[in-house]
Amino acid sequence: MLNKKEILCTTVTVFRNPLFGSTNNNKVFDNQKNNMMKTIKTKVLAVAFILGAFVNYANSNDLKSLLNAKKVKIEFNDAKKGHVLTIKDKDGTILHSENVIKEGKLVKIFDFSKLENGNYSLELNKDFEIIIKTLEVKNNKVLFNEGSKKVLFKPVIRNKKNILMVSQIAFDKKPIKVVLFFDDEIIYSETIKDEVILNRVYKLDKEVKGSYKIIIYNNNRSYIHDFKI
């Protein structure tokens, strides 16, 4: 069982851009062989908390509840102001979305009787994670399977001057794609597969001033972080 608060980071990538004085050929970054490879440690403060949360969800019992579709109570624990509750169909189309307005246990009553038969998801988008519950609507009845509750951990992205740090937990080991932009042009991209814990540290050329953006793609979702040097 993972219980470390310190995660070993093994990748530092140096980018250079000819627009800002690179003496090499006109490529967005130099030959990979010239990249600095270092090993550093960075503390991920949220790891202990979210690992504990995952264990709690993983140990939940498989409970099935058959409810009248006209009055279905939805509950999420530890909600905060600014969290977002959404209801989606099986294709990912958002049918309802609302912001949480107060802290504590979130309790909502919904009428699902007008929905077509099929599978739907309820999602609470929190600070560091997305909690997903699924239900099935069939003939004006709603079936919950509590054992299907899923937690997706959002990437933690931080930058300090020209150092960019990315961490994410992916227990399902689904591919994670990292794309880095400079002035809206892609300067680096990689896809990471079969890793439970992603850690990357990118060292950018501090002389290349401007607007940067990193996008993390995982589980058909994208997470964006803008920053400047």
C-alpha atoms as a PDB file:
ATOM      1  CA  MET A   1       0.000   0.000   0.000  1.00  0.00           C
ATOM      2  CA  LEU A   2       1.422   3.417  -0.933  1.00  0.00           C
ATOM      3  CA  ASN A   3       2.076   5.571   2.120  1.00  0.00           C
ATOM      4  CA  LYS A   4       4.882   7.887   1.111  1.00  0.00           C
ATOM      5  CA  LYS A   5       4.441  11.643   1.104  1.00  0.00           C
ATOM      6  CA  GLU A   6       7.566  12.160  -0.952  1.00  0.00           C
ATOM      7  CA  ILE A   7       7.545  11.051  -4.567  1.00  0.00           C
ATOM      8  CA  LEU A   8      10.720  10.612  -6.570  1.00  0.00           C
ATOM      9  CA  CYS A   9      10.727  12.689  -9.723  1.00  0.00           C
ATOM     10  CA  THR A  10      13.044  11.532 -12.479  1.00  0.00           C
ATOM     11  CA  THR A  11      12.496  13.785 -15.456  1.00  0.00           C
ATOM     12  CA  VAL A  12      13.753  17.288 -16.022  1.00  0.00           C
ATOM     13  CA  THR A  13      13.394  18.539 -19.587  1.00  0.00           C
ATOM     14  CA  VAL A  14      15.111  21.670 -20.880  1.00  0.00           C
ATOM     15  CA  PHE A  15      13.423  23.521 -23.732  1.00  0.00           C
ATOM     16  CA  ARG A  16      14.978  26.144 -25.947  1.00  0.00           C
ATOM     17  CA  ASN A  17      13.296  28.268 -28.598  1.00  0.00           C
ATOM     18  CA  PRO A  18      15.164  29.796 -31.552  1.00  0.00           C
ATOM     19  CA  LEU A  19      12.944  32.864 -31.340  1.00  0.00           C
ATOM     20  CA  PHE A  20      14.793  33.768 -28.179  1.00  0.00           C
ATOM     21  CA  GLY A  21      18.397  33.297 -29.179  1.00  0.00           C
ATOM     22  CA  SER A  22      19.058  29.592 -29.577  1.00  0.00           C
ATOM     23  CA  THR A  23      22.194  29.118 -31.634  1.00  0.00           C
ATOM     24  CA  ASN A  24      21.086  25.744 -32.988  1.00  0.00           C
ATOM     25  CA  ASN A  25      18.765  25.001 -35.893  1.00  0.00           C
ATOM     26  CA  ASN A  26      15.206  26.277 -36.068  1.00  0.00           C
ATOM     27  CA  LYS A  27      13.514  23.647 -33.949  1.00  0.00           C
ATOM     28  CA  VAL A  28      11.310  24.301 -30.965  1.00  0.00           C
ATOM     29  CA  PHE A  29      13.698  22.504 -28.653  1.00  0.00           C
ATOM     30  CA  ASP A  30      17.222  21.100 -28.956  1.00  0.00           C
ATOM     31  CA  ASN A  31      18.200  17.519 -29.489  1.00  0.00           C
ATOM     32  CA  GLN A  32      16.872  15.296 -26.712  1.00  0.00           C
ATOM     33  CA  LYS A  33      20.423  14.156 -25.944  1.00  0.00           C
ATOM     34  CA  ASN A  34      21.228  17.637 -24.647  1.00  0.00           C
ATOM     35  CA  ASN A  35      18.347  17.605 -22.178  1.00  0.00           C
ATOM     36  CA  MET A  36      19.346  17.703 -18.537  1.00  0.00           C
ATOM     37  CA  MET A  37      18.301  14.561 -16.664  1.00  0.00           C
ATOM     38  CA  LYS A  38      18.292  14.956 -12.913  1.00  0.00           C
ATOM     39  CA  THR A  39      16.653  13.272  -9.958  1.00  0.00           C
ATOM     40  CA  ILE A  40      14.887  15.495  -7.479  1.00  0.00           C
ATOM     41  CA  LYS A  41      12.346  15.083  -4.756  1.00  0.00           C
ATOM     42  CA  THR A  42       9.207  17.148  -4.442  1.00  0.00           C
ATOM     43  CA  LYS A  43       6.561  16.880  -1.774  1.00  0.00           C
ATOM     44  CA  VAL A  44       2.997  16.306  -2.893  1.00  0.00           C
ATOM     45  CA  LEU A  45       0.979  17.448   0.104  1.00  0.00           C
ATOM     46  CA  ALA A  46      -2.335  16.097  -1.117  1.00  0.00           C
ATOM     47  CA  VAL A  47      -1.186  12.496  -1.620  1.00  0.00           C
ATOM     48  CA  ALA A  48      -1.781  11.255   1.918  1.00  0.00           C
ATOM     49  CA  PHE A  49      -5.274  12.691   1.997  1.00  0.00           C
ATOM     50  CA  ILE A  50      -6.445  11.441  -1.381  1.00  0.00           C
ATOM     51  CA  LEU A  51      -4.941   7.984  -0.869  1.00  0.00           C
ATOM     52  CA  GLY A  52      -6.933   7.701   2.343  1.00  0.00           C
ATOM     53  CA  ALA A  53     -10.077   8.803   0.546  1.00  0.00           C
ATOM     54  CA  PHE A  54      -9.541   6.184  -2.145  1.00  0.00           C
ATOM     55  CA  VAL A  55      -9.211   3.408   0.456  1.00  0.00           C
ATOM     56  CA  ASN A  56     -12.498   4.449   2.038  1.00  0.00           C
ATOM     57  CA  TYR A  57     -14.304   4.278  -1.310  1.00  0.00           C
ATOM     58  CA  ALA A  58     -12.637   1.022  -2.299  1.00  0.00           C
ATOM     59  CA  ASN A  59     -13.860  -0.625   0.907  1.00  0.00           C
ATOM     60  CA  SER A  60     -17.492   0.423   0.475  1.00  0.00           C
ATOM     61  CA  ASN A  61     -20.036  -2.374   0.155  1.00  0.00           C
ATOM     62  CA  ASP A  62     -21.998  -3.047  -3.016  1.00  0.00           C
ATOM     63  CA  LEU A  63     -25.407  -1.718  -2.098  1.00  0.00           C
ATOM     64  CA  LYS A  64     -28.239  -1.536  -4.597  1.00  0.00           C
ATOM     65  CA  SER A  65     -31.227   0.746  -4.094  1.00  0.00           C
ATOM     66  CA  LEU A  66     -34.381   0.814  -6.237  1.00  0.00           C
ATOM     67  CA  LEU A  67     -36.087   4.194  -5.993  1.00  0.00           C
ATOM     68  CA  ASN A  68     -39.064   6.024  -7.456  1.00  0.00           C
ATOM     69  CA  ALA A  69     -37.686   8.199 -10.253  1.00  0.00           C
ATOM     70  CA  LYS A  70     -39.877  11.182  -9.327  1.00  0.00           C
ATOM     71  CA  LYS A  71     -38.068  11.793  -6.052  1.00  0.00           C
ATOM     72  CA  VAL A  72     -34.447  10.694  -5.862  1.00  0.00           C
ATOM     73  CA  LYS A  73     -32.178  11.939  -3.096  1.00  0.00           C
ATOM     74  CA  ILE A  74     -28.529  12.517  -3.983  1.00  0.00           C
ATOM     75  CA  GLU A  75     -25.879  12.853  -1.288  1.00  0.00           C
ATOM     76  CA  PHE A  76     -22.196  13.780  -1.337  1.00  0.00           C
ATOM     77  CA  ASN A  77     -20.030  14.250   1.729  1.00  0.00           C
ATOM     78  CA  ASP A  78     -17.511  17.052   2.357  1.00  0.00           C
ATOM     79  CA  ALA A  79     -18.786  19.412  -0.301  1.00  0.00           C
ATOM     80  CA  LYS A  80     -17.481  22.979  -0.374  1.00  0.00           C
ATOM     81  CA  LYS A  81     -18.569  26.229  -1.909  1.00  0.00           C
ATOM     82  CA  GLY A  82     -17.332  26.326  -5.493  1.00  0.00           C
ATOM     83  CA  HIS A  83     -17.513  22.578  -6.083  1.00  0.00           C
ATOM     84  CA  VAL A  84     -19.612  21.649  -9.126  1.00  0.00           C
ATOM     85  CA  LEU A  85     -22.346  19.005  -9.310  1.00  0.00           C
ATOM     86  CA  THR A  86     -23.218  17.685 -12.772  1.00  0.00           C
ATOM     87  CA  ILE A  87     -25.540  15.050 -14.192  1.00  0.00           C
ATOM     88  CA  LYS A  88     -24.527  13.406 -17.474  1.00  0.00           C
ATOM     89  CA  ASP A  89     -25.993  10.809 -19.797  1.00  0.00           C
ATOM     90  CA  LYS A  90     -24.077   7.770 -21.037  1.00  0.00           C
ATOM     91  CA  ASP A  91     -22.541   9.831 -23.858  1.00  0.00           C
ATOM     92  CA  GLY A  92     -21.157  12.434 -21.470  1.00  0.00           C
ATOM     93  CA  THR A  93     -23.698  15.110 -22.383  1.00  0.00           C
ATOM     94  CA  ILE A  94     -24.309  17.431 -19.429  1.00  0.00           C
ATOM     95  CA  LEU A  95     -28.002  17.452 -18.510  1.00  0.00           C
ATOM     96  CA  HIS A  96     -27.679  19.535 -15.364  1.00  0.00           C
ATOM     97  CA  SER A  97     -24.924  21.521 -13.648  1.00  0.00           C
ATOM     98  CA  GLU A  98     -24.864  23.638 -10.513  1.00  0.00           C
ATOM     99  CA  ASN A  99     -22.334  25.178  -8.139  1.00  0.00           C
ATOM    100  CA  VAL A 100     -22.280  24.160  -4.496  1.00  0.00           C
ATOM    101  CA  ILE A 101     -23.157  27.203  -2.376  1.00  0.00           C
ATOM    102  CA  LYS A 102     -22.353  25.992   1.128  1.00  0.00           C
ATOM    103  CA  GLU A 103     -19.941  23.714   2.924  1.00  0.00           C
ATOM    104  CA  GLY A 104     -20.860  20.342   4.393  1.00  0.00           C
ATOM    105  CA  LYS A 105     -22.959  17.411   3.257  1.00  0.00           C
ATOM    106  CA  LEU A 106     -24.583  18.041  -0.118  1.00  0.00           C
ATOM    107  CA  VAL A 107     -28.149  16.730  -0.324  1.00  0.00           C
ATOM    108  CA  LYS A 108     -30.304  17.271  -3.418  1.00  0.00           C
ATOM    109  CA  ILE A 109     -33.666  15.906  -4.569  1.00  0.00           C
ATOM    110  CA  PHE A 110     -34.106  15.274  -8.297  1.00  0.00           C
ATOM    111  CA  ASP A 111     -36.987  14.159 -10.506  1.00  0.00           C
ATOM    112  CA  PHE A 112     -35.616  11.645 -13.030  1.00  0.00           C
ATOM    113  CA  SER A 113     -39.040  10.466 -14.255  1.00  0.00           C
ATOM    114  CA  LYS A 114     -38.718  12.408 -17.523  1.00  0.00           C
ATOM    115  CA  LEU A 115     -35.407  10.781 -18.437  1.00  0.00           C
ATOM    116  CA  GLU A 116     -35.231   7.998 -20.990  1.00  0.00           C
ATOM    117  CA  ASN A 117     -34.256   4.536 -19.846  1.00  0.00           C
ATOM    118  CA  GLY A 118     -30.500   4.244 -19.635  1.00  0.00           C
ATOM    119  CA  ASN A 119     -27.395   4.882 -17.550  1.00  0.00           C
ATOM    120  CA  TYR A 120     -26.493   8.261 -16.067  1.00  0.00           C
ATOM    121  CA  SER A 121     -23.712   9.630 -13.912  1.00  0.00           C
ATOM    122  CA  LEU A 122     -23.625  12.105 -11.049  1.00  0.00           C
ATOM    123  CA  GLU A 123     -20.326  13.928 -10.593  1.00  0.00           C
ATOM    124  CA  LEU A 124     -19.044  16.192  -7.858  1.00  0.00           C
ATOM    125  CA  ASN A 125     -16.001  18.100  -9.097  1.00  0.00           C
ATOM    126  CA  LYS A 126     -13.937  18.916  -6.009  1.00  0.00           C
ATOM    127  CA  ASP A 127     -10.577  20.598  -5.436  1.00  0.00           C
ATOM    128  CA  PHE A 128      -8.347  17.562  -6.009  1.00  0.00           C
ATOM    129  CA  GLU A 129     -10.734  14.841  -7.120  1.00  0.00           C
ATOM    130  CA  ILE A 130     -13.924  14.058  -9.015  1.00  0.00           C
ATOM    131  CA  ILE A 131     -16.406  11.715  -7.332  1.00  0.00           C
ATOM    132  CA  ILE A 132     -18.633   9.805  -9.745  1.00  0.00           C
ATOM    133  CA  LYS A 133     -21.785   7.855  -8.909  1.00  0.00           C
ATOM    134  CA  THR A 134     -23.777   5.952 -11.516  1.00  0.00           C
ATOM    135  CA  LEU A 135     -27.441   5.103 -11.741  1.00  0.00           C
ATOM    136  CA  GLU A 136     -29.810   3.385 -14.132  1.00  0.00           C
ATOM    137  CA  VAL A 137     -33.235   4.724 -15.046  1.00  0.00           C
ATOM    138  CA  LYS A 138     -35.721   2.059 -16.097  1.00  0.00           C
ATOM    139  CA  ASN A 139     -39.490   2.396 -16.323  1.00  0.00           C
ATOM    140  CA  ASN A 140     -39.723   5.292 -13.838  1.00  0.00           C
ATOM    141  CA  LYS A 141     -37.476   3.519 -11.361  1.00  0.00           C
ATOM    142  CA  VAL A 142     -33.901   4.415 -10.440  1.00  0.00           C
ATOM    143  CA  LEU A 143     -31.338   1.796  -9.524  1.00  0.00           C
ATOM    144  CA  PHE A 144     -28.217   2.883  -7.641  1.00  0.00           C
ATOM    145  CA  ASN A 145     -25.205   0.628  -7.373  1.00  0.00           C
ATOM    146  CA  GLU A 146     -23.116   2.109  -4.589  1.00  0.00           C
ATOM    147  CA  GLY A 147     -20.278  -0.257  -5.432  1.00  0.00           C
ATOM    148  CA  SER A 148     -19.787   1.545  -8.734  1.00  0.00           C
ATOM    149  CA  LYS A 149     -18.715   4.750  -7.015  1.00  0.00           C
ATOM    150  CA  LYS A 150     -15.491   5.982  -8.607  1.00  0.00           C
ATOM    151  CA  VAL A 151     -12.885   8.587  -7.715  1.00  0.00           C
ATOM    152  CA  LEU A 152     -10.749  10.334 -10.332  1.00  0.00           C
ATOM    153  CA  PHE A 153      -7.806  12.263  -8.962  1.00  0.00           C
ATOM    154  CA  LYS A 154      -7.075  15.548 -10.690  1.00  0.00           C
ATOM    155  CA  PRO A 155      -3.493  16.460 -11.575  1.00  0.00           C
ATOM    156  CA  VAL A 156      -1.568  18.741  -9.252  1.00  0.00           C
ATOM    157  CA  ILE A 157       0.211  21.342 -11.400  1.00  0.00           C
ATOM    158  CA  ARG A 158       2.610  23.882  -9.913  1.00  0.00           C
ATOM    159  CA  ASN A 159       5.169  26.219 -11.358  1.00  0.00           C
ATOM    160  CA  LYS A 160       7.904  28.240  -9.711  1.00  0.00           C
ATOM    161  CA  LYS A 161       9.587  30.588 -12.139  1.00  0.00           C
ATOM    162  CA  ASN A 162      10.891  28.323 -14.935  1.00  0.00           C
ATOM    163  CA  ILE A 163      10.270  25.012 -13.108  1.00  0.00           C
ATOM    164  CA  LEU A 164       7.010  23.207 -13.905  1.00  0.00           C
ATOM    165  CA  MET A 165       5.903  20.285 -11.706  1.00  0.00           C
ATOM    166  CA  VAL A 166       3.111  17.837 -12.565  1.00  0.00           C
ATOM    167  CA  SER A 167       1.786  15.034 -10.341  1.00  0.00           C
ATOM    168  CA  GLN A 168      -1.226  12.775 -10.720  1.00  0.00           C
ATOM    169  CA  ILE A 169      -2.497   9.517  -9.262  1.00  0.00           C
ATOM    170  CA  ALA A 170      -4.125   7.152 -11.764  1.00  0.00           C
ATOM    171  CA  PHE A 171      -5.073   3.878 -10.132  1.00  0.00           C
ATOM    172  CA  ASP A 172      -6.721   2.696 -13.339  1.00  0.00           C
ATOM    173  CA  LYS A 173      -3.393   3.221 -15.187  1.00  0.00           C
ATOM    174  CA  LYS A 174      -5.156   4.820 -18.112  1.00  0.00           C
ATOM    175  CA  PRO A 175      -2.921   6.865 -20.432  1.00  0.00           C
ATOM    176  CA  ILE A 176      -2.065  10.405 -19.414  1.00  0.00           C
ATOM    177  CA  LYS A 177      -1.111  12.833 -22.158  1.00  0.00           C
ATOM    178  CA  VAL A 178       0.905  15.949 -21.351  1.00  0.00           C
ATOM    179  CA  VAL A 179       1.037  18.798 -23.868  1.00  0.00           C
ATOM    180  CA  LEU A 180       3.021  21.989 -23.271  1.00  0.00           C
ATOM    181  CA  PHE A 181       2.413  25.178 -25.245  1.00  0.00           C
ATOM    182  CA  PHE A 182       4.413  28.386 -25.677  1.00  0.00           C
ATOM    183  CA  ASP A 183       2.429  31.279 -27.148  1.00  0.00           C
ATOM    184  CA  ASP A 184      -0.234  28.768 -28.276  1.00  0.00           C
ATOM    185  CA  GLU A 185       2.263  26.560 -30.149  1.00  0.00           C
ATOM    186  CA  ILE A 186       3.039  23.015 -29.002  1.00  0.00           C
ATOM    187  CA  ILE A 187       6.650  22.744 -27.850  1.00  0.00           C
ATOM    188  CA  TYR A 188       6.464  19.367 -26.111  1.00  0.00           C
ATOM    189  CA  SER A 189       4.130  16.383 -25.872  1.00  0.00           C
ATOM    190  CA  GLU A 190       4.298  12.945 -24.283  1.00  0.00           C
ATOM    191  CA  THR A 191       1.896  10.141 -23.393  1.00  0.00           C
ATOM    192  CA  ILE A 192       2.480   8.165 -20.205  1.00  0.00           C
ATOM    193  CA  LYS A 193       1.051   4.657 -19.931  1.00  0.00           C
ATOM    194  CA  ASP A 194       0.731   2.057 -17.169  1.00  0.00           C
ATOM    195  CA  GLU A 195       1.848   4.345 -14.344  1.00  0.00           C
ATOM    196  CA  VAL A 196      -0.062   4.595 -11.061  1.00  0.00           C
ATOM    197  CA  ILE A 197       1.723   7.774 -10.008  1.00  0.00           C
ATOM    198  CA  LEU A 198       2.790  10.329 -12.556  1.00  0.00           C
ATOM    199  CA  ASN A 199       5.542  12.767 -11.648  1.00  0.00           C
ATOM    200  CA  ARG A 200       7.226  15.073 -14.109  1.00  0.00           C
ATOM    201  CA  VAL A 201       9.419  18.113 -13.564  1.00  0.00           C
ATOM    202  CA  TYR A 202      10.115  20.283 -16.590  1.00  0.00           C
ATOM    203  CA  LYS A 203      12.840  22.898 -16.518  1.00  0.00           C
ATOM    204  CA  LEU A 204      12.110  25.608 -19.045  1.00  0.00           C
ATOM    205  CA  ASP A 205      14.588  28.091 -20.458  1.00  0.00           C
ATOM    206  CA  LYS A 206      14.319  31.044 -18.074  1.00  0.00           C
ATOM    207  CA  GLU A 207      15.408  33.408 -20.841  1.00  0.00           C
ATOM    208  CA  VAL A 208      12.405  32.531 -22.982  1.00  0.00           C
ATOM    209  CA  LYS A 209       9.804  34.925 -21.587  1.00  0.00           C
ATOM    210  CA  GLY A 210       6.152  34.697 -22.486  1.00  0.00           C
ATOM    211  CA  SER A 211       2.882  32.834 -21.939  1.00  0.00           C
ATOM    212  CA  TYR A 212       2.897  29.066 -21.378  1.00  0.00           C
ATOM    213  CA  LYS A 213       0.094  26.555 -21.029  1.00  0.00           C
ATOM    214  CA  ILE A 214       0.043  22.901 -20.047  1.00  0.00           C
ATOM    215  CA  ILE A 215      -2.891  20.594 -20.755  1.00  0.00           C
ATOM    216  CA  ILE A 216      -3.237  17.171 -19.103  1.00  0.00           C
ATOM    217  CA  TYR A 217      -5.554  14.663 -20.841  1.00  0.00           C
ATOM    218  CA  ASN A 218      -6.820  11.653 -18.887  1.00  0.00           C
ATOM    219  CA  ASN A 219     -10.073   9.632 -18.775  1.00  0.00           C
ATOM    220  CA  ASN A 220     -11.599  11.729 -21.584  1.00  0.00           C
ATOM    221  CA  ARG A 221     -11.043  14.887 -19.527  1.00  0.00           C
ATOM    222  CA  SER A 222      -8.648  17.791 -19.828  1.00  0.00           C
ATOM    223  CA  TYR A 223      -7.018  19.963 -17.168  1.00  0.00           C
ATOM    224  CA  ILE A 224      -5.462  23.317 -18.119  1.00  0.00           C
ATOM    225  CA  HIS A 225      -2.878  25.424 -16.326  1.00  0.00           C
ATOM    226  CA  ASP A 226      -1.663  28.780 -17.673  1.00  0.00           C
ATOM    227  CA  PHE A 227       1.478  30.498 -16.445  1.00  0.00           C
ATOM    228  CA  LYS A 228       4.142  32.974 -17.504  1.00  0.00           C
ATOM    229  CA  ILE A 229       7.898  33.248 -17.285  1.00  0.00           C
END
